[in-house]
Amino acid sequence: MDKNFLRFGAEVYTWFMNENGRTHAGKLGHMIEITAQAGFQGIEPIHFWMGDLKDPIKLKDKLDEQKIELAAIALSLNWKEPTSTEDEKREILETIKILQHFPGALLCIVQIPAGRHDLEVRRKQLLKHILDTAKIAADHGVESTFHPNSPPHSIARTREDYDFLLGGLDSKTCGWTPDVGHIINGGMDPLEMMKTYKQLINLVHYKDWDGQPDFVLMGKGKVDFISITDWLVTNNYKGWIICEDEGKEAYDNPDGVTLHDGAWIRENFKK
């Protein structure tokens, strides 16, 4: 089964893990260089952690220098209030304006987890934020995707959460990013969920998991990447697959982990 048409990239959260971003702040250019050395084709930065490369001209120059594409930008916001705060509105528009310089790059919508209290009310509130943000992006010509996550304090973690949030998306403006590591960490089967919500998938995140307690280096855990990738190929998936490795090795050696992941992808999917 030919997999050479698949596009793989790296997520910068692998570097963000050390000291909550403080250690590698302002080093997106270096991350782009390592992403290229790893053999990836694209990268997904985090919107508030782009340093001087939040300037789209500088970002494009660096990406072109390294022959790397901008796959998406992760828009990670708290959304604790029923409507976006003025700061959140500003961050949404700033990120969309960057993406307008990179046709085809996605706005990847993520809520920063803050607890499962008042669950039903807050899930409805989150869905409204996703729909409103995706509508704003669409009005500016930018496609969106929603990325659930799985910490114990996330409200986008369980099958019930997924069914409510994914079931409420407007597919005309917002797709879904199945992060296979987060899905299995939330007690679900990644491939089953991807089949269930196939029509929404417009970005995919790969991370490995072994349940001890959660994420591990790519290829060292229990996620069945081979079956998942075969299914994507069979279904003619044309979007990005972004490696977001959260194995413990990434804390001290994110460069090495990214290089490892690139080699693992080539060995398994680019022969």
C-alpha atoms as a PDB file:
ATOM      1  CA  MET A   1       0.000   0.000   0.000  1.00  0.00           C
ATOM      2  CA  ASP A   2       1.636   3.232  -1.197  1.00  0.00           C
ATOM      3  CA  LYS A   3       1.922   5.755   1.630  1.00  0.00           C
ATOM      4  CA  ASN A   4       4.422   8.113   0.012  1.00  0.00           C
ATOM      5  CA  PHE A   5       1.756  10.734  -0.728  1.00  0.00           C
ATOM      6  CA  LEU A   6       1.113  11.242   3.003  1.00  0.00           C
ATOM      7  CA  ARG A   7       2.320  14.531   4.476  1.00  0.00           C
ATOM      8  CA  PHE A   8       3.925  14.396   7.925  1.00  0.00           C
ATOM      9  CA  GLY A   9       4.886  17.278  10.191  1.00  0.00           C
ATOM     10  CA  ALA A  10       5.962  18.116  13.731  1.00  0.00           C
ATOM     11  CA  GLU A  11       4.168  19.969  16.540  1.00  0.00           C
ATOM     12  CA  VAL A  12       6.212  22.357  18.678  1.00  0.00           C
ATOM     13  CA  TYR A  13       4.595  21.151  21.935  1.00  0.00           C
ATOM     14  CA  THR A  14       7.459  18.644  22.085  1.00  0.00           C
ATOM     15  CA  TRP A  15       9.699  21.649  22.907  1.00  0.00           C
ATOM     16  CA  PHE A  16       7.057  23.445  24.987  1.00  0.00           C
ATOM     17  CA  MET A  17       6.975  20.663  27.615  1.00  0.00           C
ATOM     18  CA  ASN A  18      10.142  21.829  29.385  1.00  0.00           C
ATOM     19  CA  GLU A  19       9.208  24.439  32.007  1.00  0.00           C
ATOM     20  CA  ASN A  20       5.892  25.185  30.301  1.00  0.00           C
ATOM     21  CA  GLY A  21       7.588  26.799  27.328  1.00  0.00           C
ATOM     22  CA  ARG A  22      10.126  28.930  29.174  1.00  0.00           C
ATOM     23  CA  THR A  23      13.193  26.863  28.235  1.00  0.00           C
ATOM     24  CA  HIS A  24      12.755  27.097  24.458  1.00  0.00           C
ATOM     25  CA  ALA A  25      10.870  30.382  24.164  1.00  0.00           C
ATOM     26  CA  GLY A  26      11.753  32.416  21.076  1.00  0.00           C
ATOM     27  CA  LYS A  27      13.327  29.441  19.288  1.00  0.00           C
ATOM     28  CA  LEU A  28      10.724  28.647  16.636  1.00  0.00           C
ATOM     29  CA  GLY A  29      13.350  29.152  13.950  1.00  0.00           C
ATOM     30  CA  HIS A  30      15.455  26.409  15.518  1.00  0.00           C
ATOM     31  CA  MET A  31      12.407  24.132  15.740  1.00  0.00           C
ATOM     32  CA  ILE A  32      11.776  24.648  12.027  1.00  0.00           C
ATOM     33  CA  GLU A  33      15.400  23.690  11.318  1.00  0.00           C
ATOM     34  CA  ILE A  34      15.146  20.481  13.391  1.00  0.00           C
ATOM     35  CA  THR A  35      11.814  19.662  11.767  1.00  0.00           C
ATOM     36  CA  ALA A  36      13.513  19.878   8.375  1.00  0.00           C
ATOM     37  CA  GLN A  37      16.501  17.796   9.551  1.00  0.00           C
ATOM     38  CA  ALA A  38      14.043  15.145  10.758  1.00  0.00           C
ATOM     39  CA  GLY A  39      12.652  14.833   7.249  1.00  0.00           C
ATOM     40  CA  PHE A  40       9.244  16.266   8.024  1.00  0.00           C
ATOM     41  CA  GLN A  41       7.409  18.417   5.495  1.00  0.00           C
ATOM     42  CA  GLY A  42       5.445  20.689   7.812  1.00  0.00           C
ATOM     43  CA  ILE A  43       5.192  22.219  11.264  1.00  0.00           C
ATOM     44  CA  GLU A  44       2.446  23.331  13.663  1.00  0.00           C
ATOM     45  CA  PRO A  45       3.419  26.151  16.046  1.00  0.00           C
ATOM     46  CA  ILE A  46       1.450  27.364  19.081  1.00  0.00           C
ATOM     47  CA  HIS A  47      -0.057  30.809  18.543  1.00  0.00           C
ATOM     48  CA  PHE A  48       1.277  32.516  21.689  1.00  0.00           C
ATOM     49  CA  TRP A  49       4.739  30.939  21.409  1.00  0.00           C
ATOM     50  CA  MET A  50       6.003  32.050  18.010  1.00  0.00           C
ATOM     51  CA  GLY A  51       8.397  34.794  19.096  1.00  0.00           C
ATOM     52  CA  ASP A  52       9.422  37.187  16.338  1.00  0.00           C
ATOM     53  CA  LEU A  53       8.203  34.661  13.751  1.00  0.00           C
ATOM     54  CA  LYS A  54       4.630  35.725  14.487  1.00  0.00           C
ATOM     55  CA  ASP A  55       5.504  38.229  11.759  1.00  0.00           C
ATOM     56  CA  PRO A  56       4.182  36.300   8.727  1.00  0.00           C
ATOM     57  CA  ILE A  57       6.898  37.658   6.421  1.00  0.00           C
ATOM     58  CA  LYS A  58       9.684  36.470   8.732  1.00  0.00           C
ATOM     59  CA  LEU A  59       7.876  33.173   9.242  1.00  0.00           C
ATOM     60  CA  LYS A  60       7.517  32.597   5.502  1.00  0.00           C
ATOM     61  CA  ASP A  61      11.183  33.402   4.919  1.00  0.00           C
ATOM     62  CA  LYS A  62      12.281  30.864   7.545  1.00  0.00           C
ATOM     63  CA  LEU A  63       9.897  28.184   6.309  1.00  0.00           C
ATOM     64  CA  ASP A  64      11.015  28.708   2.707  1.00  0.00           C
ATOM     65  CA  GLU A  65      14.671  28.586   3.764  1.00  0.00           C
ATOM     66  CA  GLN A  66      14.133  25.146   5.309  1.00  0.00           C
ATOM     67  CA  LYS A  67      11.590  23.936   2.698  1.00  0.00           C
ATOM     68  CA  ILE A  68       8.969  23.428   5.422  1.00  0.00           C
ATOM     69  CA  GLU A  69       5.246  24.230   5.097  1.00  0.00           C
ATOM     70  CA  LEU A  70       2.998  25.727   7.731  1.00  0.00           C
ATOM     71  CA  ALA A  71       0.477  22.950   8.359  1.00  0.00           C
ATOM     72  CA  ALA A  72      -1.525  24.721  11.071  1.00  0.00           C
ATOM     73  CA  ILE A  73      -1.259  27.021  14.062  1.00  0.00           C
ATOM     74  CA  ALA A  74      -2.580  25.769  17.401  1.00  0.00           C
ATOM     75  CA  LEU A  75      -4.850  28.397  18.930  1.00  0.00           C
ATOM     76  CA  SER A  76      -4.814  27.486  22.643  1.00  0.00           C
ATOM     77  CA  LEU A  77      -7.137  29.582  24.802  1.00  0.00           C
ATOM     78  CA  ASN A  78      -8.740  29.306  28.235  1.00  0.00           C
ATOM     79  CA  TRP A  79     -12.327  30.238  27.289  1.00  0.00           C
ATOM     80  CA  LYS A  80     -13.471  30.306  30.911  1.00  0.00           C
ATOM     81  CA  GLU A  81     -16.206  32.866  30.240  1.00  0.00           C
ATOM     82  CA  PRO A  82     -19.430  32.433  28.218  1.00  0.00           C
ATOM     83  CA  THR A  83     -18.047  34.770  25.555  1.00  0.00           C
ATOM     84  CA  SER A  84     -14.469  35.437  24.497  1.00  0.00           C
ATOM     85  CA  THR A  85     -12.617  38.074  26.480  1.00  0.00           C
ATOM     86  CA  GLU A  86     -11.144  41.081  24.681  1.00  0.00           C
ATOM     87  CA  ASP A  87      -7.692  39.467  24.893  1.00  0.00           C
ATOM     88  CA  GLU A  88      -9.044  36.213  23.456  1.00  0.00           C
ATOM     89  CA  LYS A  89     -10.755  38.080  20.605  1.00  0.00           C
ATOM     90  CA  ARG A  90      -7.473  39.822  19.835  1.00  0.00           C
ATOM     91  CA  GLU A  91      -5.508  36.543  19.861  1.00  0.00           C
ATOM     92  CA  ILE A  92      -8.064  34.860  17.604  1.00  0.00           C
ATOM     93  CA  LEU A  93      -7.855  37.626  15.006  1.00  0.00           C
ATOM     94  CA  GLU A  94      -4.060  37.898  15.196  1.00  0.00           C
ATOM     95  CA  THR A  95      -3.703  34.170  14.554  1.00  0.00           C
ATOM     96  CA  ILE A  96      -6.189  34.208  11.690  1.00  0.00           C
ATOM     97  CA  LYS A  97      -4.325  37.121  10.087  1.00  0.00           C
ATOM     98  CA  ILE A  98      -1.081  35.105  10.169  1.00  0.00           C
ATOM     99  CA  LEU A  99      -2.818  32.118   8.593  1.00  0.00           C
ATOM    100  CA  GLN A 100      -4.183  34.282   5.773  1.00  0.00           C
ATOM    101  CA  HIS A 101      -0.596  34.471   4.474  1.00  0.00           C
ATOM    102  CA  PHE A 102      -0.432  30.652   4.223  1.00  0.00           C
ATOM    103  CA  PRO A 103      -3.283  29.290   2.089  1.00  0.00           C
ATOM    104  CA  GLY A 104      -4.363  25.834   3.236  1.00  0.00           C
ATOM    105  CA  ALA A 105      -2.875  26.118   6.744  1.00  0.00           C
ATOM    106  CA  LEU A 106      -5.446  25.366   9.443  1.00  0.00           C
ATOM    107  CA  LEU A 107      -6.565  27.121  12.613  1.00  0.00           C
ATOM    108  CA  CYS A 108      -6.303  24.300  15.184  1.00  0.00           C
ATOM    109  CA  ILE A 109      -8.675  25.178  18.041  1.00  0.00           C
ATOM    110  CA  VAL A 110      -7.699  23.918  21.514  1.00  0.00           C
ATOM    111  CA  GLN A 111      -9.082  24.711  24.946  1.00  0.00           C
ATOM    112  CA  ILE A 112      -6.551  24.798  27.790  1.00  0.00           C
ATOM    113  CA  PRO A 113      -8.039  22.345  30.353  1.00  0.00           C
ATOM    114  CA  ALA A 114      -9.291  23.851  33.611  1.00  0.00           C
ATOM    115  CA  GLY A 115     -11.395  21.189  35.362  1.00  0.00           C
ATOM    116  CA  ARG A 116     -14.561  19.105  34.822  1.00  0.00           C
ATOM    117  CA  HIS A 117     -16.776  21.095  37.203  1.00  0.00           C
ATOM    118  CA  ASP A 118     -20.134  22.337  35.846  1.00  0.00           C
ATOM    119  CA  LEU A 119     -19.489  19.912  33.011  1.00  0.00           C
ATOM    120  CA  GLU A 120     -22.647  20.193  30.944  1.00  0.00           C
ATOM    121  CA  VAL A 121     -22.757  23.981  31.080  1.00  0.00           C
ATOM    122  CA  ARG A 122     -19.070  24.345  30.263  1.00  0.00           C
ATOM    123  CA  ARG A 123     -19.196  21.820  27.386  1.00  0.00           C
ATOM    124  CA  LYS A 124     -22.015  23.834  25.809  1.00  0.00           C
ATOM    125  CA  GLN A 125     -19.983  26.973  26.369  1.00  0.00           C
ATOM    126  CA  LEU A 126     -16.907  25.403  24.735  1.00  0.00           C
ATOM    127  CA  LEU A 127     -18.927  24.291  21.717  1.00  0.00           C
ATOM    128  CA  LYS A 128     -20.174  27.850  21.242  1.00  0.00           C
ATOM    129  CA  HIS A 129     -16.597  29.155  21.407  1.00  0.00           C
ATOM    130  CA  ILE A 130     -15.489  26.607  18.795  1.00  0.00           C
ATOM    131  CA  LEU A 131     -18.382  27.448  16.464  1.00  0.00           C
ATOM    132  CA  ASP A 132     -17.942  31.211  16.874  1.00  0.00           C
ATOM    133  CA  THR A 133     -14.172  31.057  16.350  1.00  0.00           C
ATOM    134  CA  ALA A 134     -14.474  28.812  13.301  1.00  0.00           C
ATOM    135  CA  LYS A 135     -17.091  31.163  11.807  1.00  0.00           C
ATOM    136  CA  ILE A 136     -14.771  34.144  12.236  1.00  0.00           C
ATOM    137  CA  ALA A 137     -11.943  32.184  10.614  1.00  0.00           C
ATOM    138  CA  ALA A 138     -14.168  31.078   7.732  1.00  0.00           C
ATOM    139  CA  ASP A 139     -15.231  34.686   7.155  1.00  0.00           C
ATOM    140  CA  HIS A 140     -11.516  35.445   6.701  1.00  0.00           C
ATOM    141  CA  GLY A 141     -10.939  32.518   4.346  1.00  0.00           C
ATOM    142  CA  VAL A 142      -9.281  30.239   6.915  1.00  0.00           C
ATOM    143  CA  GLU A 143     -10.331  26.635   7.615  1.00  0.00           C
ATOM    144  CA  SER A 144     -10.557  25.450  11.245  1.00  0.00           C
ATOM    145  CA  THR A 145     -10.212  22.171  13.091  1.00  0.00           C
ATOM    146  CA  PHE A 146     -11.020  21.258  16.704  1.00  0.00           C
ATOM    147  CA  HIS A 147      -8.417  19.363  18.755  1.00  0.00           C
ATOM    148  CA  PRO A 148      -9.749  17.654  21.930  1.00  0.00           C
ATOM    149  CA  ASN A 149      -7.280  16.686  24.672  1.00  0.00           C
ATOM    150  CA  SER A 150      -7.196  14.225  27.544  1.00  0.00           C
ATOM    151  CA  PRO A 151      -5.798  15.506  30.862  1.00  0.00           C
ATOM    152  CA  PRO A 152      -8.087  14.506  33.759  1.00  0.00           C
ATOM    153  CA  HIS A 153      -9.249  18.139  33.989  1.00  0.00           C
ATOM    154  CA  SER A 154     -10.222  18.404  30.290  1.00  0.00           C
ATOM    155  CA  ILE A 155     -13.879  18.710  29.249  1.00  0.00           C
ATOM    156  CA  ALA A 156     -13.009  17.209  25.840  1.00  0.00           C
ATOM    157  CA  ARG A 157     -11.748  13.864  27.134  1.00  0.00           C
ATOM    158  CA  THR A 158     -14.371  11.090  27.244  1.00  0.00           C
ATOM    159  CA  ARG A 159     -16.619   9.447  24.657  1.00  0.00           C
ATOM    160  CA  GLU A 160     -19.534  11.465  26.013  1.00  0.00           C
ATOM    161  CA  ASP A 161     -17.493  14.665  25.593  1.00  0.00           C
ATOM    162  CA  TYR A 162     -16.542  13.716  22.033  1.00  0.00           C
ATOM    163  CA  ASP A 163     -20.079  12.813  21.019  1.00  0.00           C
ATOM    164  CA  PHE A 164     -21.426  16.121  22.296  1.00  0.00           C
ATOM    165  CA  LEU A 165     -18.662  18.348  20.899  1.00  0.00           C
ATOM    166  CA  LEU A 166     -18.043  16.601  17.581  1.00  0.00           C
ATOM    167  CA  GLY A 167     -21.759  16.063  17.098  1.00  0.00           C
ATOM    168  CA  GLY A 168     -22.272  19.808  17.450  1.00  0.00           C
ATOM    169  CA  LEU A 169     -19.626  20.977  14.983  1.00  0.00           C
ATOM    170  CA  ASP A 170     -20.641  22.740  11.786  1.00  0.00           C
ATOM    171  CA  SER A 171     -18.698  20.802   9.168  1.00  0.00           C
ATOM    172  CA  LYS A 172     -18.940  23.749   6.767  1.00  0.00           C
ATOM    173  CA  THR A 173     -16.601  25.778   8.990  1.00  0.00           C
ATOM    174  CA  CYS A 174     -14.808  23.377  11.358  1.00  0.00           C
ATOM    175  CA  GLY A 175     -13.369  19.887  11.146  1.00  0.00           C
ATOM    176  CA  TRP A 176     -11.830  17.616  13.766  1.00  0.00           C
ATOM    177  CA  THR A 177      -8.255  16.716  14.639  1.00  0.00           C
ATOM    178  CA  PRO A 178      -8.181  13.170  16.016  1.00  0.00           C
ATOM    179  CA  ASP A 179      -5.137  13.041  18.289  1.00  0.00           C
ATOM    180  CA  VAL A 180      -4.736   9.288  18.569  1.00  0.00           C
ATOM    181  CA  GLY A 181      -2.803   9.465  21.840  1.00  0.00           C
ATOM    182  CA  HIS A 182      -5.400  11.655  23.506  1.00  0.00           C
ATOM    183  CA  ILE A 183      -8.221   9.445  22.228  1.00  0.00           C
ATOM    184  CA  ILE A 184      -6.773   6.257  23.716  1.00  0.00           C
ATOM    185  CA  ASN A 185      -5.821   8.124  26.897  1.00  0.00           C
ATOM    186  CA  GLY A 186      -9.491   9.053  27.224  1.00  0.00           C
ATOM    187  CA  GLY A 187     -10.510   5.388  27.138  1.00  0.00           C
ATOM    188  CA  MET A 188     -11.523   5.128  23.477  1.00  0.00           C
ATOM    189  CA  ASP A 189     -10.252   3.259  20.430  1.00  0.00           C
ATOM    190  CA  PRO A 190      -8.664   5.772  18.032  1.00  0.00           C
ATOM    191  CA  LEU A 191      -9.558   3.963  14.827  1.00  0.00           C
ATOM    192  CA  GLU A 192     -13.152   3.353  15.921  1.00  0.00           C
ATOM    193  CA  MET A 193     -13.575   7.061  16.703  1.00  0.00           C
ATOM    194  CA  MET A 194     -11.983   8.062  13.405  1.00  0.00           C
ATOM    195  CA  LYS A 195     -14.374   5.796  11.527  1.00  0.00           C
ATOM    196  CA  THR A 196     -17.351   7.194  13.453  1.00  0.00           C
ATOM    197  CA  TYR A 197     -16.496  10.828  12.709  1.00  0.00           C
ATOM    198  CA  LYS A 198     -14.679  10.267   9.425  1.00  0.00           C
ATOM    199  CA  GLN A 199     -16.447  13.127   7.649  1.00  0.00           C
ATOM    200  CA  LEU A 200     -14.995  15.706  10.060  1.00  0.00           C
ATOM    201  CA  ILE A 201     -11.300  14.767   9.865  1.00  0.00           C
ATOM    202  CA  ASN A 202      -9.133  17.489   8.321  1.00  0.00           C
ATOM    203  CA  LEU A 203      -5.976  17.134  10.441  1.00  0.00           C
ATOM    204  CA  VAL A 204      -4.483  14.199  12.376  1.00  0.00           C
ATOM    205  CA  HIS A 205      -2.106  14.182  15.355  1.00  0.00           C
ATOM    206  CA  TYR A 206       0.101  11.186  16.159  1.00  0.00           C
ATOM    207  CA  LYS A 207       1.437  10.538  19.653  1.00  0.00           C
ATOM    208  CA  ASP A 208       2.093   7.215  21.349  1.00  0.00           C
ATOM    209  CA  TRP A 209       0.690   5.949  24.674  1.00  0.00           C
ATOM    210  CA  ASP A 210       1.246   3.036  27.021  1.00  0.00           C
ATOM    211  CA  GLY A 211      -0.981   3.971  29.969  1.00  0.00           C
ATOM    212  CA  GLN A 212       1.941   4.087  32.444  1.00  0.00           C
ATOM    213  CA  PRO A 213       0.616   6.644  33.097  1.00  0.00           C
ATOM    214  CA  ASP A 214       0.125   8.063  29.614  1.00  0.00           C
ATOM    215  CA  PHE A 215       2.374   9.107  26.699  1.00  0.00           C
ATOM    216  CA  VAL A 216       5.611   7.542  25.446  1.00  0.00           C
ATOM    217  CA  LEU A 217       8.147   7.977  22.670  1.00  0.00           C
ATOM    218  CA  MET A 218       6.757   7.306  19.187  1.00  0.00           C
ATOM    219  CA  GLY A 219       6.774   3.587  18.423  1.00  0.00           C
ATOM    220  CA  LYS A 220       7.262   2.513  22.052  1.00  0.00           C
ATOM    221  CA  GLY A 221       3.617   2.335  23.097  1.00  0.00           C
ATOM    222  CA  LYS A 222       0.324   0.673  22.271  1.00  0.00           C
ATOM    223  CA  VAL A 223      -1.146   2.913  19.565  1.00  0.00           C
ATOM    224  CA  ASP A 224      -1.641   0.918  16.358  1.00  0.00           C
ATOM    225  CA  PHE A 225      -0.212   3.491  13.951  1.00  0.00           C
ATOM    226  CA  ILE A 226       0.063   0.949  11.141  1.00  0.00           C
ATOM    227  CA  SER A 227      -3.667   0.161  11.073  1.00  0.00           C
ATOM    228  CA  ILE A 228      -4.594   3.820  11.517  1.00  0.00           C
ATOM    229  CA  THR A 229      -2.310   4.916   8.687  1.00  0.00           C
ATOM    230  CA  ASP A 230      -3.524   2.116   6.413  1.00  0.00           C
ATOM    231  CA  TRP A 231      -7.102   3.277   7.041  1.00  0.00           C
ATOM    232  CA  LEU A 232      -6.165   6.873   6.202  1.00  0.00           C
ATOM    233  CA  VAL A 233      -4.547   5.709   2.952  1.00  0.00           C
ATOM    234  CA  THR A 234      -7.526   3.519   2.049  1.00  0.00           C
ATOM    235  CA  ASN A 235      -9.812   6.496   2.587  1.00  0.00           C
ATOM    236  CA  ASN A 236      -7.579   8.747   0.470  1.00  0.00           C
ATOM    237  CA  TYR A 237      -6.793  11.149   3.324  1.00  0.00           C
ATOM    238  CA  LYS A 238      -5.034  14.218   1.898  1.00  0.00           C
ATOM    239  CA  GLY A 239      -4.446  16.276   5.036  1.00  0.00           C
ATOM    240  CA  TRP A 240      -1.485  16.579   7.379  1.00  0.00           C
ATOM    241  CA  ILE A 241      -0.376  14.018   9.964  1.00  0.00           C
ATOM    242  CA  ILE A 242       1.397  15.936  12.725  1.00  0.00           C
ATOM    243  CA  CYS A 243       3.649  14.167  15.236  1.00  0.00           C
ATOM    244  CA  GLU A 244       3.168  15.675  18.690  1.00  0.00           C
ATOM    245  CA  ASP A 245       5.452  13.531  20.816  1.00  0.00           C
ATOM    246  CA  GLU A 246       4.930  13.883  24.584  1.00  0.00           C
ATOM    247  CA  GLY A 247       7.192  11.035  25.681  1.00  0.00           C
ATOM    248  CA  LYS A 248       9.253  11.799  28.783  1.00  0.00           C
ATOM    249  CA  GLU A 249      12.411  12.044  26.655  1.00  0.00           C
ATOM    250  CA  ALA A 250      11.033  15.208  25.068  1.00  0.00           C
ATOM    251  CA  TYR A 251      11.410  17.153  28.307  1.00  0.00           C
ATOM    252  CA  ASP A 252      15.212  17.155  28.129  1.00  0.00           C
ATOM    253  CA  ASN A 253      15.819  16.351  24.466  1.00  0.00           C
ATOM    254  CA  PRO A 254      13.064  17.659  22.175  1.00  0.00           C
ATOM    255  CA  ASP A 255      15.485  17.888  19.232  1.00  0.00           C
ATOM    256  CA  GLY A 256      16.435  14.232  19.601  1.00  0.00           C
ATOM    257  CA  VAL A 257      12.815  13.156  19.976  1.00  0.00           C
ATOM    258  CA  THR A 258      11.811  15.028  16.829  1.00  0.00           C
ATOM    259  CA  LEU A 259      14.700  13.453  14.903  1.00  0.00           C
ATOM    260  CA  HIS A 260      13.682  10.038  16.263  1.00  0.00           C
ATOM    261  CA  ASP A 261      10.085  10.567  15.184  1.00  0.00           C
ATOM    262  CA  GLY A 262      11.124  11.580  11.679  1.00  0.00           C
ATOM    263  CA  ALA A 263      13.261   8.465  11.352  1.00  0.00           C
ATOM    264  CA  TRP A 264      10.439   6.287  12.717  1.00  0.00           C
ATOM    265  CA  ILE A 265       7.991   7.744  10.197  1.00  0.00           C
ATOM    266  CA  ARG A 266      10.394   7.137   7.315  1.00  0.00           C
ATOM    267  CA  GLU A 267      11.084   3.572   8.419  1.00  0.00           C
ATOM    268  CA  ASN A 268       7.419   2.685   8.760  1.00  0.00           C
ATOM    269  CA  PHE A 269       5.644   4.772   6.139  1.00  0.00           C
ATOM    270  CA  LYS A 270       8.115   6.167   3.600  1.00  0.00           C
ATOM    271  CA  LYS A 271      10.004   3.093   2.424  1.00  0.00           C
END
